[in-house]
Amino acid sequence: MKRINRFFLVGVISAIVLLFGLFTNNIRGTDKTEFEGEWVSTVPGQDMIFSFSGENFSIKSPNVPDYWYRGTFSLKIKADPKKIDLAIKEGGIPQYEGKTSLGIYRFGEEILTLALNQPGAPDYPASFQNTGNAIVFKLKKK
C-alpha cells in the first residue's frame, strides 16, 4: 500500500511540474511568437521596417541608409504595460552600439504599437506618446 501511494504521489507531482512547465512556456512564448516576422510602419513619413526572429531583431529605414540596427531583444510580458529591451549589437549610428533601447509595447487589431526610448536612456517610456526620449511606432505585419 505504501509503495502504491508513493508512486501515485510521485506521478501526481511529476504531472503538476510538467503542466506548470508547459503553461509557463506557453505564456513566455506567446508574445515572442507574435513578434516573429517583418513589420512595416503604418505612420505616413515614418518608413521603418522592424524584423524579429527568435531572440534577434533588426530595424532599418529604406529612405535613410545610416538608420539601421541589429541586436537581440527580450520581453517582460508580466509588466503593465508590457516591456521590451532592444540590445543593439551594431548599427549605422556607432554611438548606439552596445546600448539598449527600453520600450513598451501592445498588440491590437493587427497593429503592434512600440514606444521606444533613445538607446542608452535609463527609463522605459511612460506612455504610448511621442514625448521625452520616446518615439512611437505603429507597425503592421508584412
C-alpha atoms as a PDB file:
ATOM      1  CA  MET A   1       0.000   0.000   0.000  1.00  0.00           C
ATOM      2  CA  LYS A   2       2.768   2.459   0.897  1.00  0.00           C
ATOM      3  CA  ARG A   3       4.514   1.637  -2.376  1.00  0.00           C
ATOM      4  CA  ILE A   4       1.413   2.444  -4.428  1.00  0.00           C
ATOM      5  CA  ASN A   5       0.846   5.692  -2.565  1.00  0.00           C
ATOM      6  CA  ARG A   6       4.465   6.731  -3.061  1.00  0.00           C
ATOM      7  CA  PHE A   7       4.288   6.004  -6.806  1.00  0.00           C
ATOM      8  CA  PHE A   8       0.950   7.782  -7.032  1.00  0.00           C
ATOM      9  CA  LEU A   9       2.349  10.817  -5.207  1.00  0.00           C
ATOM     10  CA  VAL A  10       5.445  10.910  -7.438  1.00  0.00           C
ATOM     11  CA  GLY A  11       3.190  10.640 -10.506  1.00  0.00           C
ATOM     12  CA  VAL A  12       0.946  13.478  -9.371  1.00  0.00           C
ATOM     13  CA  ILE A  13       3.909  15.725  -8.563  1.00  0.00           C
ATOM     14  CA  SER A  14       5.503  14.926 -11.943  1.00  0.00           C
ATOM     15  CA  ALA A  15       2.269  15.770 -13.748  1.00  0.00           C
ATOM     16  CA  ILE A  16       1.965  19.078 -11.877  1.00  0.00           C
ATOM     17  CA  VAL A  17       5.573  20.010 -12.694  1.00  0.00           C
ATOM     18  CA  LEU A  18       5.049  19.074 -16.363  1.00  0.00           C
ATOM     19  CA  LEU A  19       1.818  21.062 -16.639  1.00  0.00           C
ATOM     20  CA  PHE A  20       3.364  24.067 -14.878  1.00  0.00           C
ATOM     21  CA  GLY A  21       6.306  23.962 -17.298  1.00  0.00           C
ATOM     22  CA  LEU A  22       4.029  23.763 -20.329  1.00  0.00           C
ATOM     23  CA  PHE A  23       1.830  26.578 -19.004  1.00  0.00           C
ATOM     24  CA  THR A  24       4.703  28.959 -18.239  1.00  0.00           C
ATOM     25  CA  ASN A  25       6.454  28.195 -21.545  1.00  0.00           C
ATOM     26  CA  ASN A  26       3.218  28.975 -23.331  1.00  0.00           C
ATOM     27  CA  ILE A  27       2.912  32.316 -21.560  1.00  0.00           C
ATOM     28  CA  ARG A  28       6.546  33.204 -22.266  1.00  0.00           C
ATOM     29  CA  GLY A  29       6.340  32.107 -25.895  1.00  0.00           C
ATOM     30  CA  THR A  30       3.085  33.798 -26.877  1.00  0.00           C
ATOM     31  CA  ASP A  31       4.346  37.352 -27.333  1.00  0.00           C
ATOM     32  CA  LYS A  32       7.666  36.192 -28.854  1.00  0.00           C
ATOM     33  CA  THR A  33       5.661  34.221 -31.399  1.00  0.00           C
ATOM     34  CA  GLU A  34       3.517  37.246 -32.203  1.00  0.00           C
ATOM     35  CA  PHE A  35       6.640  39.355 -32.793  1.00  0.00           C
ATOM     36  CA  GLU A  36       8.080  36.867 -35.329  1.00  0.00           C
ATOM     37  CA  GLY A  37       8.352  38.249 -38.848  1.00  0.00           C
ATOM     38  CA  GLU A  38       8.675  41.560 -40.625  1.00  0.00           C
ATOM     39  CA  TRP A  39       6.704  44.654 -39.572  1.00  0.00           C
ATOM     40  CA  VAL A  40       6.289  47.915 -41.503  1.00  0.00           C
ATOM     41  CA  SER A  41       5.292  51.315 -40.190  1.00  0.00           C
ATOM     42  CA  THR A  42       1.735  52.479 -40.797  1.00  0.00           C
ATOM     43  CA  VAL A  43       2.598  56.102 -39.944  1.00  0.00           C
ATOM     44  CA  PRO A  44       2.976  58.282 -43.085  1.00  0.00           C
ATOM     45  CA  GLY A  45       6.546  59.533 -43.470  1.00  0.00           C
ATOM     46  CA  GLN A  46       7.893  57.026 -40.939  1.00  0.00           C
ATOM     47  CA  ASP A  47       9.331  54.461 -43.363  1.00  0.00           C
ATOM     48  CA  MET A  48      10.599  51.818 -40.970  1.00  0.00           C
ATOM     49  CA  ILE A  49      10.927  48.059 -41.172  1.00  0.00           C
ATOM     50  CA  PHE A  50      11.290  46.001 -37.993  1.00  0.00           C
ATOM     51  CA  SER A  51      12.204  42.298 -38.210  1.00  0.00           C
ATOM     52  CA  PHE A  52      12.066  39.811 -35.355  1.00  0.00           C
ATOM     53  CA  SER A  53      13.374  36.249 -35.487  1.00  0.00           C
ATOM     54  CA  GLY A  54      13.905  34.176 -32.359  1.00  0.00           C
ATOM     55  CA  GLU A  55      15.873  36.415 -29.981  1.00  0.00           C
ATOM     56  CA  ASN A  56      17.129  38.703 -32.771  1.00  0.00           C
ATOM     57  CA  PHE A  57      15.816  41.941 -34.214  1.00  0.00           C
ATOM     58  CA  SER A  58      16.752  44.361 -36.966  1.00  0.00           C
ATOM     59  CA  ILE A  59      15.453  47.821 -37.768  1.00  0.00           C
ATOM     60  CA  LYS A  60      16.027  49.704 -40.990  1.00  0.00           C
ATOM     61  CA  SER A  61      14.753  52.669 -42.888  1.00  0.00           C
ATOM     62  CA  PRO A  62      14.721  52.254 -46.677  1.00  0.00           C
ATOM     63  CA  ASN A  63      14.961  56.053 -47.080  1.00  0.00           C
ATOM     64  CA  VAL A  64      17.776  56.716 -44.572  1.00  0.00           C
ATOM     65  CA  PRO A  65      20.723  54.381 -45.247  1.00  0.00           C
ATOM     66  CA  ASP A  66      22.500  55.149 -41.936  1.00  0.00           C
ATOM     67  CA  TYR A  67      19.412  54.311 -39.874  1.00  0.00           C
ATOM     68  CA  TRP A  68      19.731  50.596 -39.134  1.00  0.00           C
ATOM     69  CA  TYR A  69      20.278  48.433 -36.078  1.00  0.00           C
ATOM     70  CA  ARG A  70      20.777  44.755 -35.296  1.00  0.00           C
ATOM     71  CA  GLY A  71      20.793  43.005 -31.974  1.00  0.00           C
ATOM     72  CA  THR A  72      18.813  40.896 -29.550  1.00  0.00           C
ATOM     73  CA  PHE A  73      15.591  41.579 -27.708  1.00  0.00           C
ATOM     74  CA  SER A  74      13.846  40.396 -24.583  1.00  0.00           C
ATOM     75  CA  LEU A  75      10.307  40.841 -23.311  1.00  0.00           C
ATOM     76  CA  LYS A  76       8.801  41.492 -19.911  1.00  0.00           C
ATOM     77  CA  ILE A  77       5.258  40.303 -20.524  1.00  0.00           C
ATOM     78  CA  LYS A  78       4.081  40.473 -16.927  1.00  0.00           C
ATOM     79  CA  ALA A  79       4.760  44.218 -16.713  1.00  0.00           C
ATOM     80  CA  ASP A  80       1.915  46.645 -17.286  1.00  0.00           C
ATOM     81  CA  PRO A  81       2.389  47.917 -19.907  1.00  0.00           C
ATOM     82  CA  LYS A  82       4.457  45.094 -21.370  1.00  0.00           C
ATOM     83  CA  LYS A  83       8.142  45.960 -21.837  1.00  0.00           C
ATOM     84  CA  ILE A  84      10.740  45.248 -24.493  1.00  0.00           C
ATOM     85  CA  ASP A  85      14.514  45.677 -24.304  1.00  0.00           C
ATOM     86  CA  LEU A  86      16.408  46.036 -27.598  1.00  0.00           C
ATOM     87  CA  ALA A  87      20.127  45.390 -27.043  1.00  0.00           C
ATOM     88  CA  ILE A  88      21.915  46.967 -30.013  1.00  0.00           C
ATOM     89  CA  LYS A  89      24.930  44.978 -31.207  1.00  0.00           C
ATOM     90  CA  GLU A  90      25.642  47.003 -34.350  1.00  0.00           C
ATOM     91  CA  GLY A  91      24.127  49.836 -36.328  1.00  0.00           C
ATOM     92  CA  GLY A  92      24.516  52.787 -38.622  1.00  0.00           C
ATOM     93  CA  ILE A  93      24.937  55.127 -35.654  1.00  0.00           C
ATOM     94  CA  PRO A  94      28.076  53.826 -33.859  1.00  0.00           C
ATOM     95  CA  GLN A  95      27.378  55.726 -30.611  1.00  0.00           C
ATOM     96  CA  TYR A  96      24.361  53.444 -30.001  1.00  0.00           C
ATOM     97  CA  GLU A  97      26.276  50.161 -30.380  1.00  0.00           C
ATOM     98  CA  GLY A  98      26.348  48.286 -27.091  1.00  0.00           C
ATOM     99  CA  LYS A  99      23.432  50.284 -25.696  1.00  0.00           C
ATOM    100  CA  THR A 100      19.875  49.163 -25.005  1.00  0.00           C
ATOM    101  CA  SER A 101      16.693  50.859 -26.124  1.00  0.00           C
ATOM    102  CA  LEU A 102      13.973  50.376 -23.499  1.00  0.00           C
ATOM    103  CA  GLY A 103      10.395  50.303 -24.676  1.00  0.00           C
ATOM    104  CA  ILE A 104       6.813  49.348 -24.056  1.00  0.00           C
ATOM    105  CA  TYR A 105       4.518  47.539 -26.472  1.00  0.00           C
ATOM    106  CA  ARG A 106       0.998  46.317 -27.091  1.00  0.00           C
ATOM    107  CA  PHE A 107      -0.763  44.289 -29.750  1.00  0.00           C
ATOM    108  CA  GLY A 108      -4.170  45.327 -31.018  1.00  0.00           C
ATOM    109  CA  GLU A 109      -6.208  44.669 -34.139  1.00  0.00           C
ATOM    110  CA  GLU A 110      -3.241  43.531 -36.273  1.00  0.00           C
ATOM    111  CA  ILE A 111      -1.139  46.502 -35.135  1.00  0.00           C
ATOM    112  CA  LEU A 112       1.946  46.356 -32.944  1.00  0.00           C
ATOM    113  CA  THR A 113       2.489  49.636 -31.114  1.00  0.00           C
ATOM    114  CA  LEU A 114       6.020  50.202 -29.831  1.00  0.00           C
ATOM    115  CA  ALA A 115       7.170  53.185 -27.798  1.00  0.00           C
ATOM    116  CA  LEU A 116      10.978  53.129 -27.683  1.00  0.00           C
ATOM    117  CA  ASN A 117      13.323  55.411 -25.809  1.00  0.00           C
ATOM    118  CA  GLN A 118      16.607  56.550 -27.304  1.00  0.00           C
ATOM    119  CA  PRO A 119      19.287  53.855 -26.868  1.00  0.00           C
ATOM    120  CA  GLY A 120      21.041  54.337 -23.547  1.00  0.00           C
ATOM    121  CA  ALA A 121      18.181  56.231 -21.884  1.00  0.00           C
ATOM    122  CA  PRO A 122      17.792  54.784 -18.369  1.00  0.00           C
ATOM    123  CA  ASP A 123      13.993  54.505 -18.227  1.00  0.00           C
ATOM    124  CA  TYR A 124      11.089  52.962 -20.092  1.00  0.00           C
ATOM    125  CA  PRO A 125       8.640  55.305 -21.827  1.00  0.00           C
ATOM    126  CA  ALA A 126       5.804  56.356 -19.534  1.00  0.00           C
ATOM    127  CA  SER A 127       3.137  56.097 -22.261  1.00  0.00           C
ATOM    128  CA  PHE A 128       2.460  55.408 -25.908  1.00  0.00           C
ATOM    129  CA  GLN A 129       3.024  59.087 -26.775  1.00  0.00           C
ATOM    130  CA  ASN A 130       5.888  60.789 -28.622  1.00  0.00           C
ATOM    131  CA  THR A 131       7.212  62.560 -25.545  1.00  0.00           C
ATOM    132  CA  GLY A 132      10.654  62.971 -23.993  1.00  0.00           C
ATOM    133  CA  ASN A 133      13.047  60.408 -25.452  1.00  0.00           C
ATOM    134  CA  ALA A 134      10.215  58.183 -26.741  1.00  0.00           C
ATOM    135  CA  ILE A 135       9.354  57.541 -30.365  1.00  0.00           C
ATOM    136  CA  VAL A 136       6.127  55.655 -31.064  1.00  0.00           C
ATOM    137  CA  PHE A 137       5.904  53.207 -33.957  1.00  0.00           C
ATOM    138  CA  LYS A 138       2.668  51.688 -35.217  1.00  0.00           C
ATOM    139  CA  LEU A 139       3.547  48.578 -37.182  1.00  0.00           C
ATOM    140  CA  LYS A 140       1.642  46.119 -39.319  1.00  0.00           C
ATOM    141  CA  LYS A 141       2.922  42.639 -40.146  1.00  0.00           C
ATOM    142  CA  LYS A 142       4.101  42.429 -43.746  1.00  0.00           C
END
